[in-house]
C-alpha atoms as a PDB file:
ATOM      1  CA  MET A   1      18.049  28.622 -48.112  1.00  0.00           C
ATOM      2  CA  ASP A   2      18.285  28.235 -44.241  1.00  0.00           C
ATOM      3  CA  CYS A   3      14.942  27.140 -42.768  1.00  0.00           C
ATOM      4  CA  THR A   4      13.467  26.652 -39.369  1.00  0.00           C
ATOM      5  CA  LEU A   5      11.173  23.727 -38.792  1.00  0.00           C
ATOM      6  CA  ILE A   6       8.388  24.245 -36.148  1.00  0.00           C
ATOM      7  CA  LEU A   7       6.047  21.464 -35.101  1.00  0.00           C
ATOM      8  CA  CYS A   8       2.844  22.978 -33.712  1.00  0.00           C
ATOM      9  CA  PHE A   9       0.035  20.721 -32.669  1.00  0.00           C
ATOM     10  CA  GLY A  10       1.299  18.218 -35.120  1.00  0.00           C
ATOM     11  CA  ILE A  11       1.419  20.518 -38.117  1.00  0.00           C
ATOM     12  CA  ARG A  12       4.746  21.227 -39.695  1.00  0.00           C
ATOM     13  CA  ILE A  13       5.373  24.752 -40.461  1.00  0.00           C
ATOM     14  CA  VAL A  14       8.635  25.740 -42.157  1.00  0.00           C
ATOM     15  CA  TYR A  15       9.856  29.277 -42.149  1.00  0.00           C
ATOM     16  CA  ALA A  16      12.791  30.786 -44.204  1.00  0.00           C
ATOM     17  CA  GLN A  17      15.465  32.591 -42.474  1.00  0.00           C
ATOM     18  CA  ASP A  18      13.758  35.874 -43.298  1.00  0.00           C
ATOM     19  CA  GLY A  19      10.635  34.737 -41.510  1.00  0.00           C
ATOM     20  CA  SER A  20       8.507  34.105 -44.517  1.00  0.00           C
ATOM     21  CA  LEU A  21       6.271  30.957 -44.700  1.00  0.00           C
ATOM     22  CA  VAL A  22       7.953  28.389 -46.901  1.00  0.00           C
ATOM     23  CA  HIS A  23       5.682  25.342 -46.338  1.00  0.00           C
ATOM     24  CA  GLN A  24       2.561  24.341 -44.243  1.00  0.00           C
ATOM     25  CA  SER A  25       0.700  21.254 -45.131  1.00  0.00           C
ATOM     26  CA  THR A  26      -2.012  19.940 -42.831  1.00  0.00           C
ATOM     27  CA  SER A  27      -2.861  16.911 -44.796  1.00  0.00           C
ATOM     28  CA  GLU A  28       0.850  15.886 -45.089  1.00  0.00           C
ATOM     29  CA  ALA A  29       1.436  16.609 -41.506  1.00  0.00           C
ATOM     30  CA  ALA A  30      -1.530  14.573 -40.514  1.00  0.00           C
ATOM     31  CA  GLN A  31      -0.176  11.637 -42.420  1.00  0.00           C
ATOM     32  CA  ASN A  32       3.129  11.846 -40.661  1.00  0.00           C
ATOM     33  CA  LEU A  33       2.042  12.346 -36.978  1.00  0.00           C
ATOM     34  CA  PRO A  34       3.713  10.279 -34.423  1.00  0.00           C
ATOM     35  CA  MET A  35       1.455   7.780 -32.614  1.00  0.00           C
ATOM     36  CA  GLN A  36       2.318   9.163 -29.165  1.00  0.00           C
ATOM     37  CA  SER A  37       2.979  12.785 -29.603  1.00  0.00           C
ATOM     38  CA  GLU A  38       2.784  13.723 -25.978  1.00  0.00           C
ATOM     39  CA  GLN A  39       4.699  13.278 -22.697  1.00  0.00           C
ATOM     40  CA  SER A  40       3.754   9.920 -21.256  1.00  0.00           C
ATOM     41  CA  ALA A  41       1.407  11.256 -18.575  1.00  0.00           C
ATOM     42  CA  PHE A  42      -0.401  13.374 -21.109  1.00  0.00           C
ATOM     43  CA  ALA A  43      -0.594  10.334 -23.421  1.00  0.00           C
ATOM     44  CA  ALA A  44      -2.110   8.093 -20.814  1.00  0.00           C
ATOM     45  CA  ILE A  45      -4.675  10.701 -19.684  1.00  0.00           C
ATOM     46  CA  HIS A  46      -5.463  11.363 -23.416  1.00  0.00           C
ATOM     47  CA  GLU A  47      -6.035   7.666 -24.097  1.00  0.00           C
ATOM     48  CA  ILE A  48      -8.312   7.229 -21.080  1.00  0.00           C
ATOM     49  CA  VAL A  49     -10.367  10.289 -21.928  1.00  0.00           C
ATOM     50  CA  GLU A  50     -10.795   9.072 -25.480  1.00  0.00           C
ATOM     51  CA  MET A  51     -12.023   5.724 -24.157  1.00  0.00           C
ATOM     52  CA  LEU A  52     -14.426   7.497 -21.791  1.00  0.00           C
ATOM     53  CA  GLU A  53     -15.711   9.796 -24.512  1.00  0.00           C
ATOM     54  CA  ALA A  54     -16.182   6.881 -26.970  1.00  0.00           C
ATOM     55  CA  ASP A  55     -18.205   4.930 -24.378  1.00  0.00           C
ATOM     56  CA  PRO A  56     -21.998   6.178 -24.424  1.00  0.00           C
ATOM     57  CA  THR A  57     -22.445   4.535 -21.097  1.00  0.00           C
ATOM     58  CA  THR A  58     -19.761   6.630 -19.292  1.00  0.00           C
ATOM     59  CA  ASP A  59     -21.204   8.065 -15.947  1.00  0.00           C
ATOM     60  CA  TRP A  60     -19.463  11.408 -15.960  1.00  0.00           C
ATOM     61  CA  SER A  61     -20.420  12.022 -12.352  1.00  0.00           C
ATOM     62  CA  LYS A  62     -17.985   9.281 -11.385  1.00  0.00           C
ATOM     63  CA  VAL A  63     -15.041  10.248 -13.677  1.00  0.00           C
ATOM     64  CA  ASN A  64     -12.065  11.801 -11.876  1.00  0.00           C
ATOM     65  CA  VAL A  65      -9.174  12.288 -14.181  1.00  0.00           C
ATOM     66  CA  ASP A  66      -7.277  14.005 -11.351  1.00  0.00           C
ATOM     67  CA  ALA A  67      -7.198  10.537  -9.595  1.00  0.00           C
ATOM     68  CA  LEU A  68      -5.440   9.045 -12.602  1.00  0.00           C
ATOM     69  CA  ARG A  69      -3.077  12.129 -12.744  1.00  0.00           C
ATOM     70  CA  GLN A  70      -2.039  11.501  -9.085  1.00  0.00           C
ATOM     71  CA  HIS A  71      -1.460   7.850  -9.951  1.00  0.00           C
ATOM     72  CA  LEU A  72       0.735   8.739 -12.816  1.00  0.00           C
ATOM     73  CA  ILE A  73       2.723  11.192 -10.500  1.00  0.00           C
ATOM     74  CA  ASP A  74       3.212   8.128  -8.178  1.00  0.00           C
ATOM     75  CA  MET A  75       4.343   6.055 -10.903  1.00  0.00           C
ATOM     76  CA  ASP A  76       6.869   8.557 -12.030  1.00  0.00           C
ATOM     77  CA  ASN A  77       8.076   9.091  -8.305  1.00  0.00           C
ATOM     78  CA  VAL A  78       8.545   5.338  -7.893  1.00  0.00           C
ATOM     79  CA  ALA A  79      10.172   4.671 -11.259  1.00  0.00           C
ATOM     80  CA  LEU A  80      12.518   7.550 -11.382  1.00  0.00           C
ATOM     81  CA  HIS A  81      13.054   8.933  -7.794  1.00  0.00           C
ATOM     82  CA  ALA A  82      12.838   5.977  -5.313  1.00  0.00           C
ATOM     83  CA  GLN A  83      15.896   4.220  -4.038  1.00  0.00           C
ATOM     84  CA  ILE A  84      15.610   0.320  -4.401  1.00  0.00           C
ATOM     85  CA  THR A  85      17.922  -2.100  -2.788  1.00  0.00           C
ATOM     86  CA  TYR A  86      17.863  -5.900  -3.045  1.00  0.00           C
ATOM     87  CA  GLU A  87      19.041  -8.397  -0.471  1.00  0.00           C
ATOM     88  CA  PRO A  88      18.992 -12.159  -0.994  1.00  0.00           C
ATOM     89  CA  ILE A  89      16.823 -14.161   1.406  1.00  0.00           C
ATOM     90  CA  VAL A  90      16.310 -17.927   1.558  1.00  0.00           C
ATOM     91  CA  ASN A  91      14.633 -18.876  -1.767  1.00  0.00           C
ATOM     92  CA  GLY A  92      14.037 -15.308  -2.599  1.00  0.00           C
ATOM     93  CA  GLU A  93      14.808 -11.662  -2.404  1.00  0.00           C
ATOM     94  CA  HIS A  94      14.037  -8.792  -0.083  1.00  0.00           C
ATOM     95  CA  ILE A  95      13.349  -5.476  -1.902  1.00  0.00           C
ATOM     96  CA  HIS A  96      13.402  -2.277   0.090  1.00  0.00           C
ATOM     97  CA  VAL A  97      11.968   0.736  -1.667  1.00  0.00           C
ATOM     98  CA  SER A  98      12.572   4.071   0.002  1.00  0.00           C
ATOM     99  CA  GLY A  99      12.373   7.841  -0.459  1.00  0.00           C
ATOM    100  CA  LYS A 100      11.482  11.074   1.263  1.00  0.00           C
ATOM    101  CA  GLY A 101       8.366  13.179   1.248  1.00  0.00           C
ATOM    102  CA  ASP A 102       6.283  12.789  -1.784  1.00  0.00           C
ATOM    103  CA  VAL A 103       8.380   9.969  -3.066  1.00  0.00           C
ATOM    104  CA  ARG A 104       7.858   8.005   0.165  1.00  0.00           C
ATOM    105  CA  ASP A 105       4.163   8.524   0.064  1.00  0.00           C
ATOM    106  CA  SER A 106       4.048   7.450  -3.547  1.00  0.00           C
ATOM    107  CA  ILE A 107       5.968   4.309  -2.712  1.00  0.00           C
ATOM    108  CA  GLN A 108       3.572   3.483   0.045  1.00  0.00           C
ATOM    109  CA  ARG A 109       0.577   3.831  -2.211  1.00  0.00           C
ATOM    110  CA  MET A 110       1.991   2.140  -5.209  1.00  0.00           C
ATOM    111  CA  VAL A 111       4.017  -0.770  -3.843  1.00  0.00           C
ATOM    112  CA  MET A 112       1.243  -1.986  -1.483  1.00  0.00           C
ATOM    113  CA  MET A 113      -1.374  -1.718  -4.235  1.00  0.00           C
ATOM    114  CA  HIS A 114       0.606  -3.348  -7.065  1.00  0.00           C
ATOM    115  CA  ALA A 115       2.062  -6.115  -4.852  1.00  0.00           C
ATOM    116  CA  ALA A 116      -1.578  -6.970  -4.034  1.00  0.00           C
ATOM    117  CA  MET A 117      -2.600  -6.728  -7.483  1.00  0.00           C
ATOM    118  CA  ALA A 118       0.301  -8.676  -9.006  1.00  0.00           C
ATOM    119  CA  GLY A 119      -0.097 -11.077  -6.119  1.00  0.00           C
ATOM    120  CA  ASP A 120       1.328 -14.625  -6.287  1.00  0.00           C
ATOM    121  CA  THR A 121       2.333 -16.222  -9.526  1.00  0.00           C
ATOM    122  CA  THR A 122       3.339 -19.718 -10.546  1.00  0.00           C
ATOM    123  CA  ASP A 123       6.915 -18.556 -10.233  1.00  0.00           C
ATOM    124  CA  TRP A 124       6.934 -16.647  -6.760  1.00  0.00           C
ATOM    125  CA  HIS A 125       4.896 -15.436  -3.708  1.00  0.00           C
ATOM    126  CA  VAL A 126       5.037 -11.715  -2.893  1.00  0.00           C
ATOM    127  CA  LYS A 127       4.503 -10.076   0.565  1.00  0.00           C
ATOM    128  CA  ALA A 128       4.682  -6.287   0.994  1.00  0.00           C
ATOM    129  CA  ALA A 129       4.632  -4.115   4.112  1.00  0.00           C
ATOM    130  CA  ARG A 130       4.811  -0.333   4.697  1.00  0.00           C
ATOM    131  CA  ALA A 131       8.215   0.862   6.085  1.00  0.00           C
ATOM    132  CA  SER A 132       8.730   4.263   7.604  1.00  0.00           C
ATOM    133  CA  ASP A 133      10.646   5.489   4.537  1.00  0.00           C
ATOM    134  CA  GLY A 134       8.692   3.505   1.897  1.00  0.00           C
ATOM    135  CA  ALA A 135       7.929  -0.209   1.687  1.00  0.00           C
ATOM    136  CA  ASP A 136       9.518  -3.671   2.039  1.00  0.00           C
ATOM    137  CA  ILE A 137       8.716  -6.660  -0.210  1.00  0.00           C
ATOM    138  CA  ASN A 138       9.714 -10.264   0.198  1.00  0.00           C
ATOM    139  CA  VAL A 139       9.550 -12.381  -2.965  1.00  0.00           C
ATOM    140  CA  ILE A 140       9.868 -15.999  -2.327  1.00  0.00           C
ATOM    141  CA  ALA A 141      10.590 -18.102  -5.554  1.00  0.00           C
ATOM    142  CA  ILE A 142       8.737 -21.387  -6.012  1.00  0.00           C
ATOM    143  CA  SER A 143      11.384 -22.665  -8.461  1.00  0.00           C
ATOM    144  CA  PRO A 144      15.065 -21.979  -9.148  1.00  0.00           C
ATOM    145  CA  LEU A 145      13.997 -20.487 -12.548  1.00  0.00           C
ATOM    146  CA  GLY A 146      11.427 -18.218 -10.805  1.00  0.00           C
ATOM    147  CA  LEU A 147      14.140 -16.882  -8.583  1.00  0.00           C
ATOM    148  CA  LYS A 148      16.502 -16.280 -11.543  1.00  0.00           C
ATOM    149  CA  ARG A 149      13.698 -14.555 -13.483  1.00  0.00           C
ATOM    150  CA  ARG A 150      12.640 -12.346 -10.421  1.00  0.00           C
ATOM    151  CA  LYS A 151      16.149 -11.087  -9.877  1.00  0.00           C
ATOM    152  CA  ALA A 152      16.580 -10.364 -13.632  1.00  0.00           C
ATOM    153  CA  LEU A 153      13.349  -8.433 -13.912  1.00  0.00           C
ATOM    154  CA  GLY A 154      13.615  -6.415 -10.632  1.00  0.00           C
ATOM    155  CA  LEU A 155      11.023  -4.378  -8.822  1.00  0.00           C
ATOM    156  CA  MET A 156       9.718  -2.248 -11.813  1.00  0.00           C
ATOM    157  CA  SER A 157       8.713  -5.269 -13.878  1.00  0.00           C
ATOM    158  CA  MET A 158       6.783  -6.473 -10.996  1.00  0.00           C
ATOM    159  CA  MET A 159       5.086  -3.169 -10.749  1.00  0.00           C
ATOM    160  CA  VAL A 160       3.899  -3.352 -14.496  1.00  0.00           C
ATOM    161  CA  GLU A 161       3.672  -7.197 -15.013  1.00  0.00           C
ATOM    162  CA  GLY A 162       0.477  -8.847 -15.899  1.00  0.00           C
ATOM    163  CA  VAL A 163      -2.654  -8.073 -17.827  1.00  0.00           C
ATOM    164  CA  TYR A 164      -4.121  -6.164 -14.829  1.00  0.00           C
ATOM    165  CA  HIS A 165      -2.089  -2.962 -15.219  1.00  0.00           C
ATOM    166  CA  PRO A 166      -3.831  -1.382 -18.323  1.00  0.00           C
ATOM    167  CA  ARG A 167      -7.191  -2.274 -16.957  1.00  0.00           C
ATOM    168  CA  HIS A 168      -6.121  -0.835 -13.654  1.00  0.00           C
ATOM    169  CA  HIS A 169      -5.863   2.636 -14.997  1.00  0.00           C
ATOM    170  CA  THR A 170      -9.406   2.628 -16.328  1.00  0.00           C
ATOM    171  CA  MET A 171     -10.829   1.229 -13.040  1.00  0.00           C
ATOM    172  CA  LEU A 172      -8.822   3.561 -10.843  1.00  0.00           C
ATOM    173  CA  HIS A 173     -11.730   5.918  -9.999  1.00  0.00           C
ATOM    174  CA  GLU A 174     -14.493   3.363 -10.217  1.00  0.00           C
ATOM    175  CA  GLU A 175     -13.069   1.099  -7.454  1.00  0.00           C
ATOM    176  CA  ALA A 176     -12.883   3.966  -4.972  1.00  0.00           C
ATOM    177  CA  CYS A 177     -16.278   5.285  -6.013  1.00  0.00           C
ATOM    178  CA  ASN A 178     -17.812   1.864  -5.415  1.00  0.00           C
ATOM    179  CA  ARG A 179     -16.487   1.819  -1.880  1.00  0.00           C
ATOM    180  CA  GLY A 180     -17.992   5.262  -1.265  1.00  0.00           C
ATOM    181  CA  GLY A 181     -14.562   6.962  -1.054  1.00  0.00           C
ATOM    182  CA  GLU A 182     -13.021   9.686  -3.088  1.00  0.00           C
ATOM    183  CA  PRO A 183     -10.951   8.311  -5.884  1.00  0.00           C
ATOM    184  CA  TYR A 184      -7.295   7.759  -4.959  1.00  0.00           C
ATOM    185  CA  SER A 185      -7.886   9.064  -1.483  1.00  0.00           C
ATOM    186  CA  ASP A 186      -7.123   5.632   0.181  1.00  0.00           C
ATOM    187  CA  GLY A 187      -4.270   4.612  -2.087  1.00  0.00           C
ATOM    188  CA  ILE A 188      -6.148   3.359  -5.201  1.00  0.00           C
END
């Protein structure tokens, strides 16, 4: 018997070639659900919304999921659409991140924010500046191993490195609200 398998909201539904329902099991499907059943932006938003809903102290007047959505768009633009070039400098590396239009704007928000948040480590110092087409970053290594590590990891690892990053997504709207601004309107 030829069958068609459809996965609808995590519930397996199997139809025979003639269109008749062969099998549908909510309990079996629930036991076999993937942990991340969504596209990554949906999964990130879903996770934050679940955290907010589970917290009885959530101040819903300050929640702005659209700010998180914009940040996820920026992450996608930088990770997938930006041009990244690396040039050696004395004891370090110059990284130029560039793009046009929305990609450039995403770079300018993301690189400046993440370079400041990642900051200096025991292995290197980071300094970032806006460029007309994106951003420039100088990474100066404190040790030869730090320089090798930085070159091996590249820009994207610097953007996500450290324990600050997951916490950053939950604080995205709160930081801007505490400054009296609209979330994400000034690069947060």
